[in-house]
């Protein structure tokens, strides 16, 4: 009762407490004693505190560690009216896990296949497919993003759909062999492959893609700027890729002043959006630099600053930025 499965991933703020709990779980697994004896080592209030501090996905795991932990989790669920959740991605780590999860009602959907390819690999994906689990282009995309050429090859043999997103994901991860396999196997690609390679900072992949005829647009330069990879940006521009005001704007979004300085030196267009993105990203020093350079006083700058914090908004107002009531 109270168990459900979800595809979400806990936020960063939720990862501290599970570490200690998992260490306790490992300790339990290594001890040759009953669950009841293990649970008796700590007072019930302590187990309740542990359960209460977990993200719902971790509580779903704790239910299967010890009897008293399960009782504590059930109590927390009743108090918070929030059922425990086992994340499907966490169940895709092995065939044994996904088999168990399937028996507990884990959904076998297209999303499950994609998660199996991303977090489990070929054997887990094979099992999911043997159970009639559907798939789509996201499965091949996940395999490519992992750089798993074996799974990608099997997907192709089994006629799993693939497309431009497959190539783009391989490029983003810097997985040249997976990209080569997809392209040589007839997978379509487009400008997102070059942009993804640039975003990931993978110059070798970008060079290979261009050598083999992959088209690019100004999005490649913008992506390189966003990641702060000036070397990739310089190579792209030297080899004919166009830059636009988005190049500087994306550099500001990433907080990369050195890229913005290069854009300024090269005479590239820089609009007020650089200030907006610097403000929206919480990059105060960069925002000051942009305002000093006179890149714009648009009201959107104040709006972006206000979404981050008062100090940024005050800075914008002190520098004369307009705002919109």
C-alpha atoms as a PDB file:
ATOM      1  CA  UNK A   1       0.000   0.000   0.000  1.00  0.00           C
ATOM      2  CA  UNK A   2       1.190   3.505  -0.695  1.00  0.00           C
ATOM      3  CA  UNK A   3       3.726   2.437  -3.307  1.00  0.00           C
ATOM      4  CA  UNK A   4       3.856   4.136  -6.643  1.00  0.00           C
ATOM      5  CA  UNK A   5       6.380   4.492  -9.403  1.00  0.00           C
ATOM      6  CA  UNK A   6       7.555   7.741 -10.950  1.00  0.00           C
ATOM      7  CA  UNK A   7      10.022   8.842 -13.573  1.00  0.00           C
ATOM      8  CA  UNK A   8      11.228  11.959 -11.764  1.00  0.00           C
ATOM      9  CA  UNK A   9      14.629  12.515 -10.230  1.00  0.00           C
ATOM     10  CA  UNK A  10      15.024  13.918  -6.691  1.00  0.00           C
ATOM     11  CA  UNK A  11      16.392  17.417  -6.469  1.00  0.00           C
ATOM     12  CA  UNK A  12      19.925  18.130  -5.300  1.00  0.00           C
ATOM     13  CA  UNK A  13      18.596  19.166  -1.925  1.00  0.00           C
ATOM     14  CA  UNK A  14      17.406  15.613  -1.308  1.00  0.00           C
ATOM     15  CA  UNK A  15      20.639  13.711  -1.769  1.00  0.00           C
ATOM     16  CA  UNK A  16      22.362  14.321   1.586  1.00  0.00           C
ATOM     17  CA  UNK A  17      20.285  12.249   3.945  1.00  0.00           C
ATOM     18  CA  UNK A  18      19.833   9.141   1.759  1.00  0.00           C
ATOM     19  CA  UNK A  19      23.610   8.589   1.762  1.00  0.00           C
ATOM     20  CA  UNK A  20      23.655   7.865   5.491  1.00  0.00           C
ATOM     21  CA  UNK A  21      20.532   5.750   5.224  1.00  0.00           C
ATOM     22  CA  UNK A  22      21.994   3.710   2.402  1.00  0.00           C
ATOM     23  CA  UNK A  23      25.115   3.094   4.474  1.00  0.00           C
ATOM     24  CA  UNK A  24      22.854   1.699   7.182  1.00  0.00           C
ATOM     25  CA  UNK A  25      21.149  -0.440   4.562  1.00  0.00           C
ATOM     26  CA  UNK A  26      24.470  -1.808   3.345  1.00  0.00           C
ATOM     27  CA  UNK A  27      25.491  -2.502   6.920  1.00  0.00           C
ATOM     28  CA  UNK A  28      22.269  -4.422   7.373  1.00  0.00           C
ATOM     29  CA  UNK A  29      22.881  -6.489   4.269  1.00  0.00           C
ATOM     30  CA  UNK A  30      26.366  -7.442   5.488  1.00  0.00           C
ATOM     31  CA  UNK A  31      25.274  -8.448   8.980  1.00  0.00           C
ATOM     32  CA  UNK A  32      24.171 -12.021   9.533  1.00  0.00           C
ATOM     33  CA  UNK A  33      21.217 -11.287  11.729  1.00  0.00           C
ATOM     34  CA  UNK A  34      17.456 -10.926  11.410  1.00  0.00           C
ATOM     35  CA  UNK A  35      15.718  -7.748  10.340  1.00  0.00           C
ATOM     36  CA  UNK A  36      14.068  -7.461  13.721  1.00  0.00           C
ATOM     37  CA  UNK A  37      17.398  -7.545  15.564  1.00  0.00           C
ATOM     38  CA  UNK A  38      18.785  -4.899  13.218  1.00  0.00           C
ATOM     39  CA  UNK A  39      15.791  -2.656  13.770  1.00  0.00           C
ATOM     40  CA  UNK A  40      16.131  -2.970  17.538  1.00  0.00           C
ATOM     41  CA  UNK A  41      19.562  -1.310  17.450  1.00  0.00           C
ATOM     42  CA  UNK A  42      17.955   2.124  17.268  1.00  0.00           C
ATOM     43  CA  UNK A  43      14.871   3.551  18.990  1.00  0.00           C
ATOM     44  CA  UNK A  44      11.673   3.846  16.982  1.00  0.00           C
ATOM     45  CA  UNK A  45      11.901   7.653  17.129  1.00  0.00           C
ATOM     46  CA  UNK A  46      15.240   7.535  15.334  1.00  0.00           C
ATOM     47  CA  UNK A  47      13.878   5.334  12.558  1.00  0.00           C
ATOM     48  CA  UNK A  48      10.921   7.677  12.207  1.00  0.00           C
ATOM     49  CA  UNK A  49      13.282  10.653  11.930  1.00  0.00           C
ATOM     50  CA  UNK A  50      15.309   8.876   9.236  1.00  0.00           C
ATOM     51  CA  UNK A  51      12.176   8.057   7.255  1.00  0.00           C
ATOM     52  CA  UNK A  52      10.799  11.570   7.609  1.00  0.00           C
ATOM     53  CA  UNK A  53      13.959  13.167   6.217  1.00  0.00           C
ATOM     54  CA  UNK A  54      13.932  11.187   2.975  1.00  0.00           C
ATOM     55  CA  UNK A  55      12.655  12.093  -0.445  1.00  0.00           C
ATOM     56  CA  UNK A  56       9.581   9.947  -1.278  1.00  0.00           C
ATOM     57  CA  UNK A  57      11.650   7.936  -3.763  1.00  0.00           C
ATOM     58  CA  UNK A  58      14.139   6.954  -1.047  1.00  0.00           C
ATOM     59  CA  UNK A  59      11.326   6.088   1.346  1.00  0.00           C
ATOM     60  CA  UNK A  60      10.145   3.614  -1.258  1.00  0.00           C
ATOM     61  CA  UNK A  61      13.506   1.861  -0.929  1.00  0.00           C
ATOM     62  CA  UNK A  62      13.537   2.003   2.877  1.00  0.00           C
ATOM     63  CA  UNK A  63      10.315   0.023   3.015  1.00  0.00           C
ATOM     64  CA  UNK A  64      12.286  -3.016   1.938  1.00  0.00           C
ATOM     65  CA  UNK A  65      15.203  -2.680   4.371  1.00  0.00           C
ATOM     66  CA  UNK A  66      13.732  -3.647   7.741  1.00  0.00           C
ATOM     67  CA  UNK A  67      10.355  -4.159   9.391  1.00  0.00           C
ATOM     68  CA  UNK A  68      10.632  -1.171  11.710  1.00  0.00           C
ATOM     69  CA  UNK A  69      11.748   1.063   8.861  1.00  0.00           C
ATOM     70  CA  UNK A  70       8.724  -0.027   6.881  1.00  0.00           C
ATOM     71  CA  UNK A  71       6.485   0.825   9.823  1.00  0.00           C
ATOM     72  CA  UNK A  72       8.175   4.217  10.122  1.00  0.00           C
ATOM     73  CA  UNK A  73       7.714   4.937   6.424  1.00  0.00           C
ATOM     74  CA  UNK A  74       4.031   4.008   6.600  1.00  0.00           C
ATOM     75  CA  UNK A  75       3.626   6.373   9.549  1.00  0.00           C
ATOM     76  CA  UNK A  76       5.350   9.193   7.656  1.00  0.00           C
ATOM     77  CA  UNK A  77       3.108   8.559   4.655  1.00  0.00           C
ATOM     78  CA  UNK A  78       0.042   8.851   6.846  1.00  0.00           C
ATOM     79  CA  UNK A  79       1.309  12.051   8.461  1.00  0.00           C
ATOM     80  CA  UNK A  80       2.282  13.739   5.208  1.00  0.00           C
ATOM     81  CA  UNK A  81      -0.411  12.230   2.999  1.00  0.00           C
ATOM     82  CA  UNK A  82       2.366  11.658   0.470  1.00  0.00           C
ATOM     83  CA  UNK A  83       2.894   8.101  -0.797  1.00  0.00           C
ATOM     84  CA  UNK A  84       6.383   6.717  -1.261  1.00  0.00           C
ATOM     85  CA  UNK A  85       7.666   6.573  -4.800  1.00  0.00           C
ATOM     86  CA  UNK A  86      10.131   4.198  -6.396  1.00  0.00           C
ATOM     87  CA  UNK A  87      11.744   5.862  -9.397  1.00  0.00           C
ATOM     88  CA  UNK A  88      11.623   3.742 -12.523  1.00  0.00           C
ATOM     89  CA  UNK A  89      15.143   4.829 -13.425  1.00  0.00           C
ATOM     90  CA  UNK A  90      16.417   3.321 -10.173  1.00  0.00           C
ATOM     91  CA  UNK A  91      14.722   0.045 -11.026  1.00  0.00           C
ATOM     92  CA  UNK A  92      16.481  -0.157 -14.385  1.00  0.00           C
ATOM     93  CA  UNK A  93      19.904  -0.888 -12.936  1.00  0.00           C
ATOM     94  CA  UNK A  94      19.599  -4.643 -13.426  1.00  0.00           C
ATOM     95  CA  UNK A  95      17.282  -7.269 -14.841  1.00  0.00           C
ATOM     96  CA  UNK A  96      16.525  -8.513 -11.329  1.00  0.00           C
ATOM     97  CA  UNK A  97      15.432  -5.069 -10.179  1.00  0.00           C
ATOM     98  CA  UNK A  98      13.193  -4.358 -13.141  1.00  0.00           C
ATOM     99  CA  UNK A  99      11.659  -7.836 -12.870  1.00  0.00           C
ATOM    100  CA  UNK A 100      10.807  -7.192  -9.250  1.00  0.00           C
ATOM    101  CA  UNK A 101       9.476  -3.724 -10.040  1.00  0.00           C
ATOM    102  CA  UNK A 102       7.331  -5.118 -12.847  1.00  0.00           C
ATOM    103  CA  UNK A 103       5.788  -7.536 -10.374  1.00  0.00           C
ATOM    104  CA  UNK A 104       5.011  -4.597  -8.094  1.00  0.00           C
ATOM    105  CA  UNK A 105       3.160  -2.699 -10.803  1.00  0.00           C
ATOM    106  CA  UNK A 106       5.954  -0.732 -12.435  1.00  0.00           C
ATOM    107  CA  UNK A 107       4.637   0.659 -15.741  1.00  0.00           C
ATOM    108  CA  UNK A 108       6.043  -0.861 -18.924  1.00  0.00           C
ATOM    109  CA  UNK A 109       5.841   2.124 -21.259  1.00  0.00           C
ATOM    110  CA  UNK A 110       7.930   3.813 -23.939  1.00  0.00           C
ATOM    111  CA  UNK A 111       9.498   5.862 -21.180  1.00  0.00           C
ATOM    112  CA  UNK A 112      10.544   2.678 -19.388  1.00  0.00           C
ATOM    113  CA  UNK A 113      12.398   1.468 -22.477  1.00  0.00           C
ATOM    114  CA  UNK A 114      14.226   4.780 -22.730  1.00  0.00           C
ATOM    115  CA  UNK A 115      15.207   4.604 -19.049  1.00  0.00           C
ATOM    116  CA  UNK A 116      16.348   1.001 -19.475  1.00  0.00           C
ATOM    117  CA  UNK A 117      18.630   2.055 -22.327  1.00  0.00           C
ATOM    118  CA  UNK A 118      19.957   4.986 -20.318  1.00  0.00           C
ATOM    119  CA  UNK A 119      20.457   3.408 -16.901  1.00  0.00           C
ATOM    120  CA  UNK A 120      20.501  -0.339 -17.477  1.00  0.00           C
ATOM    121  CA  UNK A 121      21.902  -1.121 -20.870  1.00  0.00           C
ATOM    122  CA  UNK A 122      21.264  -3.898 -23.313  1.00  0.00           C
ATOM    123  CA  UNK A 123      20.219  -6.747 -21.018  1.00  0.00           C
ATOM    124  CA  UNK A 124      17.665  -4.658 -19.152  1.00  0.00           C
ATOM    125  CA  UNK A 125      16.289  -3.281 -22.404  1.00  0.00           C
ATOM    126  CA  UNK A 126      16.075  -6.787 -23.873  1.00  0.00           C
ATOM    127  CA  UNK A 127      14.043  -7.930 -20.905  1.00  0.00           C
ATOM    128  CA  UNK A 128      11.690  -4.965 -21.116  1.00  0.00           C
ATOM    129  CA  UNK A 129      11.092  -5.643 -24.782  1.00  0.00           C
ATOM    130  CA  UNK A 130      10.458  -9.326 -24.067  1.00  0.00           C
ATOM    131  CA  UNK A 131       7.628  -8.193 -21.804  1.00  0.00           C
ATOM    132  CA  UNK A 132       6.038  -6.224 -24.612  1.00  0.00           C
ATOM    133  CA  UNK A 133       7.337  -2.848 -23.512  1.00  0.00           C
ATOM    134  CA  UNK A 134       6.926  -0.294 -26.301  1.00  0.00           C
ATOM    135  CA  UNK A 135       9.692   2.018 -27.458  1.00  0.00           C
ATOM    136  CA  UNK A 136      10.269   5.039 -29.628  1.00  0.00           C
ATOM    137  CA  UNK A 137      13.083   7.312 -30.764  1.00  0.00           C
ATOM    138  CA  UNK A 138      13.874   8.176 -27.144  1.00  0.00           C
ATOM    139  CA  UNK A 139      15.231   4.661 -26.614  1.00  0.00           C
ATOM    140  CA  UNK A 140      17.869   4.995 -29.315  1.00  0.00           C
ATOM    141  CA  UNK A 141      18.491   8.540 -28.142  1.00  0.00           C
ATOM    142  CA  UNK A 142      19.208   7.278 -24.615  1.00  0.00           C
ATOM    143  CA  UNK A 143      21.564   4.581 -25.875  1.00  0.00           C
ATOM    144  CA  UNK A 144      23.435   7.121 -27.987  1.00  0.00           C
ATOM    145  CA  UNK A 145      23.640   9.582 -25.112  1.00  0.00           C
ATOM    146  CA  UNK A 146      25.231   6.905 -23.003  1.00  0.00           C
ATOM    147  CA  UNK A 147      27.680   6.072 -25.770  1.00  0.00           C
ATOM    148  CA  UNK A 148      26.421   2.499 -25.729  1.00  0.00           C
ATOM    149  CA  UNK A 149      27.131   1.364 -29.276  1.00  0.00           C
ATOM    150  CA  UNK A 150      26.142  -2.239 -28.524  1.00  0.00           C
ATOM    151  CA  UNK A 151      22.669  -1.242 -27.374  1.00  0.00           C
ATOM    152  CA  UNK A 152      22.350   1.207 -30.238  1.00  0.00           C
ATOM    153  CA  UNK A 153      23.306  -1.530 -32.690  1.00  0.00           C
ATOM    154  CA  UNK A 154      20.729  -3.901 -31.212  1.00  0.00           C
ATOM    155  CA  UNK A 155      18.084  -1.187 -31.380  1.00  0.00           C
ATOM    156  CA  UNK A 156      18.777  -0.758 -35.071  1.00  0.00           C
ATOM    157  CA  UNK A 157      18.627  -4.511 -35.673  1.00  0.00           C
ATOM    158  CA  UNK A 158      15.262  -4.602 -33.922  1.00  0.00           C
ATOM    159  CA  UNK A 159      14.035  -1.626 -35.970  1.00  0.00           C
ATOM    160  CA  UNK A 160      13.763   0.799 -33.092  1.00  0.00           C
ATOM    161  CA  UNK A 161      13.059   4.301 -34.435  1.00  0.00           C
ATOM    162  CA  UNK A 162      15.921   6.761 -34.517  1.00  0.00           C
ATOM    163  CA  UNK A 163      16.448  10.215 -35.919  1.00  0.00           C
ATOM    164  CA  UNK A 164      18.254  13.543 -35.533  1.00  0.00           C
ATOM    165  CA  UNK A 165      17.912  13.468 -31.751  1.00  0.00           C
ATOM    166  CA  UNK A 166      19.903  10.215 -31.704  1.00  0.00           C
ATOM    167  CA  UNK A 167      22.858  11.851 -33.411  1.00  0.00           C
ATOM    168  CA  UNK A 168      22.522  15.016 -31.356  1.00  0.00           C
ATOM    169  CA  UNK A 169      22.577  13.096 -28.080  1.00  0.00           C
ATOM    170  CA  UNK A 170      25.683  11.159 -29.096  1.00  0.00           C
ATOM    171  CA  UNK A 171      27.382  14.424 -30.051  1.00  0.00           C
ATOM    172  CA  UNK A 172      26.406  16.103 -26.784  1.00  0.00           C
ATOM    173  CA  UNK A 173      28.060  13.335 -24.824  1.00  0.00           C
ATOM    174  CA  UNK A 174      31.136  13.324 -27.038  1.00  0.00           C
ATOM    175  CA  UNK A 175      30.498   9.743 -28.127  1.00  0.00           C
ATOM    176  CA  UNK A 176      32.077   9.763 -31.559  1.00  0.00           C
ATOM    177  CA  UNK A 177      31.847   6.010 -32.163  1.00  0.00           C
ATOM    178  CA  UNK A 178      28.128   5.987 -31.409  1.00  0.00           C
ATOM    179  CA  UNK A 179      27.662   8.962 -33.714  1.00  0.00           C
ATOM    180  CA  UNK A 180      29.639   7.270 -36.471  1.00  0.00           C
ATOM    181  CA  UNK A 181      27.557   4.117 -36.154  1.00  0.00           C
ATOM    182  CA  UNK A 182      24.311   6.058 -36.351  1.00  0.00           C
ATOM    183  CA  UNK A 183      25.350   8.144 -39.352  1.00  0.00           C
ATOM    184  CA  UNK A 184      26.867   5.225 -41.216  1.00  0.00           C
ATOM    185  CA  UNK A 185      23.725   3.238 -40.454  1.00  0.00           C
ATOM    186  CA  UNK A 186      21.569   5.802 -42.202  1.00  0.00           C
ATOM    187  CA  UNK A 187      20.314   7.799 -39.230  1.00  0.00           C
ATOM    188  CA  UNK A 188      19.288  11.312 -40.225  1.00  0.00           C
ATOM    189  CA  UNK A 189      21.057  14.254 -38.648  1.00  0.00           C
ATOM    190  CA  UNK A 190      20.687  17.997 -38.791  1.00  0.00           C
ATOM    191  CA  UNK A 191      22.158  21.167 -37.341  1.00  0.00           C
ATOM    192  CA  UNK A 192      21.387  20.020 -33.804  1.00  0.00           C
ATOM    193  CA  UNK A 193      24.294  17.572 -34.039  1.00  0.00           C
ATOM    194  CA  UNK A 194      26.840  20.351 -34.499  1.00  0.00           C
ATOM    195  CA  UNK A 195      25.165  22.512 -31.880  1.00  0.00           C
ATOM    196  CA  UNK A 196      25.151  19.624 -29.402  1.00  0.00           C
ATOM    197  CA  UNK A 197      28.817  18.851 -30.001  1.00  0.00           C
ATOM    198  CA  UNK A 198      29.611  22.515 -29.389  1.00  0.00           C
ATOM    199  CA  UNK A 199      27.445  22.630 -26.282  1.00  0.00           C
ATOM    200  CA  UNK A 200      29.299  19.634 -24.901  1.00  0.00           C
ATOM    201  CA  UNK A 201      32.648  21.173 -25.799  1.00  0.00           C
ATOM    202  CA  UNK A 202      33.603  18.266 -28.056  1.00  0.00           C
ATOM    203  CA  UNK A 203      35.673  19.834 -30.807  1.00  0.00           C
ATOM    204  CA  UNK A 204      36.749  16.488 -32.283  1.00  0.00           C
ATOM    205  CA  UNK A 205      33.131  15.434 -32.701  1.00  0.00           C
ATOM    206  CA  UNK A 206      32.229  18.780 -34.253  1.00  0.00           C
ATOM    207  CA  UNK A 207      35.118  18.561 -36.690  1.00  0.00           C
ATOM    208  CA  UNK A 208      34.136  15.037 -37.711  1.00  0.00           C
ATOM    209  CA  UNK A 209      30.518  16.026 -38.211  1.00  0.00           C
ATOM    210  CA  UNK A 210      31.474  18.948 -40.420  1.00  0.00           C
ATOM    211  CA  UNK A 211      33.920  16.847 -42.400  1.00  0.00           C
ATOM    212  CA  UNK A 212      31.113  14.420 -43.177  1.00  0.00           C
ATOM    213  CA  UNK A 213      28.670  17.056 -44.316  1.00  0.00           C
ATOM    214  CA  UNK A 214      26.586  17.834 -41.263  1.00  0.00           C
ATOM    215  CA  UNK A 215      25.122  21.309 -41.599  1.00  0.00           C
ATOM    216  CA  UNK A 216      25.350  23.968 -38.958  1.00  0.00           C
ATOM    217  CA  UNK A 217      23.793  27.302 -38.142  1.00  0.00           C
ATOM    218  CA  UNK A 218      24.522  30.135 -35.748  1.00  0.00           C
ATOM    219  CA  UNK A 219      23.154  27.853 -33.024  1.00  0.00           C
ATOM    220  CA  UNK A 220      26.550  26.102 -33.024  1.00  0.00           C
ATOM    221  CA  UNK A 221      28.363  29.293 -32.055  1.00  0.00           C
ATOM    222  CA  UNK A 222      25.687  30.106 -29.498  1.00  0.00           C
ATOM    223  CA  UNK A 223      26.008  26.634 -27.966  1.00  0.00           C
ATOM    224  CA  UNK A 224      29.790  26.894 -27.730  1.00  0.00           C
ATOM    225  CA  UNK A 225      29.428  30.291 -26.070  1.00  0.00           C
ATOM    226  CA  UNK A 226      26.905  28.935 -23.572  1.00  0.00           C
ATOM    227  CA  UNK A 227      29.347  26.242 -22.462  1.00  0.00           C
ATOM    228  CA  UNK A 228      32.219  28.718 -22.253  1.00  0.00           C
ATOM    229  CA  UNK A 229      34.276  26.830 -24.817  1.00  0.00           C
ATOM    230  CA  UNK A 230      36.026  29.686 -26.560  1.00  0.00           C
ATOM    231  CA  UNK A 231      38.259  27.279 -28.494  1.00  0.00           C
ATOM    232  CA  UNK A 232      35.231  25.603 -30.058  1.00  0.00           C
ATOM    233  CA  UNK A 233      33.628  28.959 -30.802  1.00  0.00           C
ATOM    234  CA  UNK A 234      36.795  30.274 -32.429  1.00  0.00           C
ATOM    235  CA  UNK A 235      37.175  27.165 -34.573  1.00  0.00           C
ATOM    236  CA  UNK A 236      33.565  27.323 -35.703  1.00  0.00           C
ATOM    237  CA  UNK A 237      33.752  30.995 -36.653  1.00  0.00           C
ATOM    238  CA  UNK A 238      37.094  30.542 -38.413  1.00  0.00           C
ATOM    239  CA  UNK A 239      35.541  27.779 -40.475  1.00  0.00           C
ATOM    240  CA  UNK A 240      32.574  29.815 -41.599  1.00  0.00           C
ATOM    241  CA  UNK A 241      29.912  29.331 -38.950  1.00  0.00           C
ATOM    242  CA  UNK A 242      27.892  32.496 -38.447  1.00  0.00           C
ATOM    243  CA  UNK A 243      27.578  34.299 -35.145  1.00  0.00           C
ATOM    244  CA  UNK A 244      24.660  36.463 -34.093  1.00  0.00           C
ATOM    245  CA  UNK A 245      23.664  38.438 -31.039  1.00  0.00           C
ATOM    246  CA  UNK A 246      22.624  35.089 -29.547  1.00  0.00           C
ATOM    247  CA  UNK A 247      26.298  34.161 -29.265  1.00  0.00           C
ATOM    248  CA  UNK A 248      26.959  36.895 -26.721  1.00  0.00           C
ATOM    249  CA  UNK A 249      23.585  36.373 -25.065  1.00  0.00           C
ATOM    250  CA  UNK A 250      24.322  32.689 -24.497  1.00  0.00           C
ATOM    251  CA  UNK A 251      27.799  33.463 -23.189  1.00  0.00           C
ATOM    252  CA  UNK A 252      26.184  35.756 -20.627  1.00  0.00           C
ATOM    253  CA  UNK A 253      23.656  33.085 -19.686  1.00  0.00           C
ATOM    254  CA  UNK A 254      26.535  30.763 -18.887  1.00  0.00           C
ATOM    255  CA  UNK A 255      28.387  33.454 -16.951  1.00  0.00           C
ATOM    256  CA  UNK A 256      31.387  33.409 -19.281  1.00  0.00           C
ATOM    257  CA  UNK A 257      32.879  36.904 -19.328  1.00  0.00           C
ATOM    258  CA  UNK A 258      35.966  35.795 -21.277  1.00  0.00           C
ATOM    259  CA  UNK A 259      33.716  34.740 -24.157  1.00  0.00           C
ATOM    260  CA  UNK A 260      31.848  38.046 -24.035  1.00  0.00           C
ATOM    261  CA  UNK A 261      35.138  39.922 -24.089  1.00  0.00           C
ATOM    262  CA  UNK A 262      36.145  37.982 -27.187  1.00  0.00           C
ATOM    263  CA  UNK A 263      32.799  38.780 -28.832  1.00  0.00           C
ATOM    264  CA  UNK A 264      33.399  42.445 -28.098  1.00  0.00           C
ATOM    265  CA  UNK A 265      36.914  42.305 -29.530  1.00  0.00           C
ATOM    266  CA  UNK A 266      35.618  40.634 -32.678  1.00  0.00           C
ATOM    267  CA  UNK A 267      32.959  43.268 -33.195  1.00  0.00           C
ATOM    268  CA  UNK A 268      30.129  40.771 -32.864  1.00  0.00           C
ATOM    269  CA  UNK A 269      26.642  42.123 -32.152  1.00  0.00           C
ATOM    270  CA  UNK A 270      25.813  42.317 -28.452  1.00  0.00           C
ATOM    271  CA  UNK A 271      22.304  43.283 -27.443  1.00  0.00           C
ATOM    272  CA  UNK A 272      20.551  44.009 -24.166  1.00  0.00           C
ATOM    273  CA  UNK A 273      19.785  40.272 -23.977  1.00  0.00           C
ATOM    274  CA  UNK A 274      23.318  39.756 -22.671  1.00  0.00           C
ATOM    275  CA  UNK A 275      22.354  41.854 -19.641  1.00  0.00           C
ATOM    276  CA  UNK A 276      19.044  40.021 -19.307  1.00  0.00           C
ATOM    277  CA  UNK A 277      20.741  36.632 -19.313  1.00  0.00           C
ATOM    278  CA  UNK A 278      23.490  37.711 -16.936  1.00  0.00           C
ATOM    279  CA  UNK A 279      20.842  38.972 -14.524  1.00  0.00           C
ATOM    280  CA  UNK A 280      18.645  35.903 -14.934  1.00  0.00           C
ATOM    281  CA  UNK A 281      21.602  33.637 -14.297  1.00  0.00           C
ATOM    282  CA  UNK A 282      22.519  35.456 -11.107  1.00  0.00           C
ATOM    283  CA  UNK A 283      25.917  36.501 -12.473  1.00  0.00           C
ATOM    284  CA  UNK A 284      26.265  39.792 -10.608  1.00  0.00           C
ATOM    285  CA  UNK A 285      29.861  40.632 -11.558  1.00  0.00           C
ATOM    286  CA  UNK A 286      29.139  39.877 -15.187  1.00  0.00           C
ATOM    287  CA  UNK A 287      25.964  41.955 -15.086  1.00  0.00           C
ATOM    288  CA  UNK A 288      27.948  44.905 -13.749  1.00  0.00           C
ATOM    289  CA  UNK A 289      30.453  44.464 -16.554  1.00  0.00           C
ATOM    290  CA  UNK A 290      27.694  44.319 -19.176  1.00  0.00           C
ATOM    291  CA  UNK A 291      26.019  47.429 -17.807  1.00  0.00           C
ATOM    292  CA  UNK A 292      29.358  49.241 -17.721  1.00  0.00           C
ATOM    293  CA  UNK A 293      29.803  48.396 -21.389  1.00  0.00           C
ATOM    294  CA  UNK A 294      26.420  49.917 -22.171  1.00  0.00           C
ATOM    295  CA  UNK A 295      24.804  46.839 -23.679  1.00  0.00           C
ATOM    296  CA  UNK A 296      21.312  48.079 -22.903  1.00  0.00           C
ATOM    297  CA  UNK A 297      18.862  49.387 -20.329  1.00  0.00           C
ATOM    298  CA  UNK A 298      15.805  47.387 -21.322  1.00  0.00           C
ATOM    299  CA  UNK A 299      13.056  46.813 -18.759  1.00  0.00           C
ATOM    300  CA  UNK A 300      13.478  43.036 -19.173  1.00  0.00           C
ATOM    301  CA  UNK A 301      16.806  43.351 -17.347  1.00  0.00           C
ATOM    302  CA  UNK A 302      15.056  44.461 -14.168  1.00  0.00           C
ATOM    303  CA  UNK A 303      12.484  41.706 -14.550  1.00  0.00           C
ATOM    304  CA  UNK A 304      15.230  39.091 -14.858  1.00  0.00           C
ATOM    305  CA  UNK A 305      17.117  40.533 -11.895  1.00  0.00           C
ATOM    306  CA  UNK A 306      13.979  40.591  -9.747  1.00  0.00           C
ATOM    307  CA  UNK A 307      13.445  36.897 -10.401  1.00  0.00           C
ATOM    308  CA  UNK A 308      16.831  36.195  -8.810  1.00  0.00           C
ATOM    309  CA  UNK A 309      17.086  38.573  -5.877  1.00  0.00           C
ATOM    310  CA  UNK A 310      16.809  42.071  -4.477  1.00  0.00           C
ATOM    311  CA  UNK A 311      20.520  42.915  -4.689  1.00  0.00           C
ATOM    312  CA  UNK A 312      20.557  42.369  -8.446  1.00  0.00           C
ATOM    313  CA  UNK A 313      17.411  44.439  -8.894  1.00  0.00           C
ATOM    314  CA  UNK A 314      18.908  47.248  -6.822  1.00  0.00           C
ATOM    315  CA  UNK A 315      22.044  47.140  -8.954  1.00  0.00           C
ATOM    316  CA  UNK A 316      19.986  47.494 -12.119  1.00  0.00           C
ATOM    317  CA  UNK A 317      18.021  50.417 -10.747  1.00  0.00           C
ATOM    318  CA  UNK A 318      21.197  52.143  -9.566  1.00  0.00           C
ATOM    319  CA  UNK A 319      22.537  51.852 -13.099  1.00  0.00           C
ATOM    320  CA  UNK A 320      19.406  53.417 -14.551  1.00  0.00           C
ATOM    321  CA  UNK A 321      17.590  50.377 -15.909  1.00  0.00           C
ATOM    322  CA  UNK A 322      13.904  50.934 -16.552  1.00  0.00           C
ATOM    323  CA  UNK A 323      11.278  48.676 -15.112  1.00  0.00           C
ATOM    324  CA  UNK A 324       7.701  47.890 -15.959  1.00  0.00           C
ATOM    325  CA  UNK A 325       4.966  48.035 -13.364  1.00  0.00           C
END
